[in-house]
Amino acid sequence: MLQHPTIERIERTGYPFSDRREEWGTDGLNNEVYSGDEIIEFMDDFYLLDELSADAIEILEQHGGQHKIAK
């Protein structure tokens, strides 16, 4: 079922867009990342943690991916 992106963000983060959250970039899977989002950096790219499956997170961690907060 398709939902409006704002509703998806509220369900994922608990709040809609805020003036305090700035767009930080687009991850390797074309997800928009905002300041405060948790990401995994791997090689020269980064991925929004909320959009990854548990298996994908485990694989990235096993290959040296680092958890960080987009600032």
C-alpha atoms as a PDB file:
ATOM      1  CA  MET A   1       0.000   0.000   0.000  1.00  0.00           C
ATOM      2  CA  LEU A   2       1.347   3.409  -0.942  1.00  0.00           C
ATOM      3  CA  GLN A   3       1.408   6.134   1.660  1.00  0.00           C
ATOM      4  CA  HIS A   4       2.329   9.768   1.541  1.00  0.00           C
ATOM      5  CA  PRO A   5       6.094  10.248   2.275  1.00  0.00           C
ATOM      6  CA  THR A   6       5.311  12.478   5.264  1.00  0.00           C
ATOM      7  CA  ILE A   7       3.154   9.752   6.837  1.00  0.00           C
ATOM      8  CA  GLU A   8       5.923   7.183   6.247  1.00  0.00           C
ATOM      9  CA  ARG A   9       8.456   9.520   7.925  1.00  0.00           C
ATOM     10  CA  ILE A  10       6.134  10.072  10.920  1.00  0.00           C
ATOM     11  CA  GLU A  11       5.719   6.304  11.333  1.00  0.00           C
ATOM     12  CA  ARG A  12       9.476   5.733  11.023  1.00  0.00           C
ATOM     13  CA  THR A  13      10.832   8.629  13.102  1.00  0.00           C
ATOM     14  CA  GLY A  14       7.881   9.696  15.253  1.00  0.00           C
ATOM     15  CA  TYR A  15       7.647  13.205  13.836  1.00  0.00           C
ATOM     16  CA  PRO A  16       7.287  14.968  10.479  1.00  0.00           C
ATOM     17  CA  PHE A  17       9.805  17.304   8.946  1.00  0.00           C
ATOM     18  CA  SER A  18      11.187  19.902  11.302  1.00  0.00           C
ATOM     19  CA  ASP A  19      13.059  23.156  10.759  1.00  0.00           C
ATOM     20  CA  ARG A  20      15.792  21.684  12.948  1.00  0.00           C
ATOM     21  CA  ARG A  21      16.290  18.711  10.626  1.00  0.00           C
ATOM     22  CA  GLU A  22      18.112  19.578   7.456  1.00  0.00           C
ATOM     23  CA  GLU A  23      18.431  17.427   4.370  1.00  0.00           C
ATOM     24  CA  TRP A  24      21.777  15.685   4.651  1.00  0.00           C
ATOM     25  CA  GLY A  25      21.913  13.794   1.371  1.00  0.00           C
ATOM     26  CA  THR A  26      20.722  10.750  -0.516  1.00  0.00           C
ATOM     27  CA  ASP A  27      21.990   7.307   0.437  1.00  0.00           C
ATOM     28  CA  GLY A  28      23.215   4.539  -1.844  1.00  0.00           C
ATOM     29  CA  LEU A  29      19.638   3.316  -2.312  1.00  0.00           C
ATOM     30  CA  ASN A  30      18.222   6.785  -3.153  1.00  0.00           C
ATOM     31  CA  ASN A  31      16.622   7.319   0.265  1.00  0.00           C
ATOM     32  CA  GLU A  32      16.599  10.904   1.539  1.00  0.00           C
ATOM     33  CA  VAL A  33      18.692  11.256   4.699  1.00  0.00           C
ATOM     34  CA  TYR A  34      18.174  14.090   7.192  1.00  0.00           C
ATOM     35  CA  SER A  35      20.321  15.331  10.048  1.00  0.00           C
ATOM     36  CA  GLY A  36      19.721  13.107  13.051  1.00  0.00           C
ATOM     37  CA  ASP A  37      19.030   9.965  11.013  1.00  0.00           C
ATOM     38  CA  GLU A  38      21.061   6.857  11.827  1.00  0.00           C
ATOM     39  CA  ILE A  39      23.180   5.665   8.917  1.00  0.00           C
ATOM     40  CA  ILE A  40      25.755   2.979   8.205  1.00  0.00           C
ATOM     41  CA  GLU A  41      28.851   4.139   6.341  1.00  0.00           C
ATOM     42  CA  PHE A  42      30.434   1.486   4.148  1.00  0.00           C
ATOM     43  CA  MET A  43      33.374   2.162   1.856  1.00  0.00           C
ATOM     44  CA  ASP A  44      32.561   5.445   0.071  1.00  0.00           C
ATOM     45  CA  ASP A  45      28.798   5.306   0.579  1.00  0.00           C
ATOM     46  CA  PHE A  46      26.200   5.448   3.356  1.00  0.00           C
ATOM     47  CA  TYR A  47      22.797   3.850   3.935  1.00  0.00           C
ATOM     48  CA  LEU A  48      19.781   4.922   5.978  1.00  0.00           C
ATOM     49  CA  LEU A  49      19.517   2.333   8.749  1.00  0.00           C
ATOM     50  CA  ASP A  50      15.696   2.440   8.897  1.00  0.00           C
ATOM     51  CA  GLU A  51      15.466   1.287   5.270  1.00  0.00           C
ATOM     52  CA  LEU A  52      17.767  -1.748   5.622  1.00  0.00           C
ATOM     53  CA  SER A  53      16.742  -5.287   6.520  1.00  0.00           C
ATOM     54  CA  ALA A  54      18.370  -7.008   9.476  1.00  0.00           C
ATOM     55  CA  ASP A  55      20.340  -9.197   7.059  1.00  0.00           C
ATOM     56  CA  ALA A  56      21.649  -6.192   5.128  1.00  0.00           C
ATOM     57  CA  ILE A  57      22.714  -4.483   8.374  1.00  0.00           C
ATOM     58  CA  GLU A  58      24.532  -7.616   9.534  1.00  0.00           C
ATOM     59  CA  ILE A  59      26.360  -7.984   6.213  1.00  0.00           C
ATOM     60  CA  LEU A  60      27.449  -4.335   6.220  1.00  0.00           C
ATOM     61  CA  GLU A  61      28.650  -4.630   9.836  1.00  0.00           C
ATOM     62  CA  GLN A  62      30.608  -7.827   9.090  1.00  0.00           C
ATOM     63  CA  HIS A  63      32.370  -6.064   6.229  1.00  0.00           C
ATOM     64  CA  GLY A  64      33.337  -2.998   8.236  1.00  0.00           C
ATOM     65  CA  GLY A  65      30.257  -0.755   8.033  1.00  0.00           C
ATOM     66  CA  GLN A  66      30.177   1.889  10.781  1.00  0.00           C
ATOM     67  CA  HIS A  67      27.027   3.158  12.513  1.00  0.00           C
ATOM     68  CA  LYS A  68      26.831   6.961  12.617  1.00  0.00           C
ATOM     69  CA  ILE A  69      24.323   9.787  13.018  1.00  0.00           C
ATOM     70  CA  ALA A  70      23.932  12.160  10.073  1.00  0.00           C
ATOM     71  CA  LYS A  71      24.853  15.635  11.329  1.00  0.00           C
END
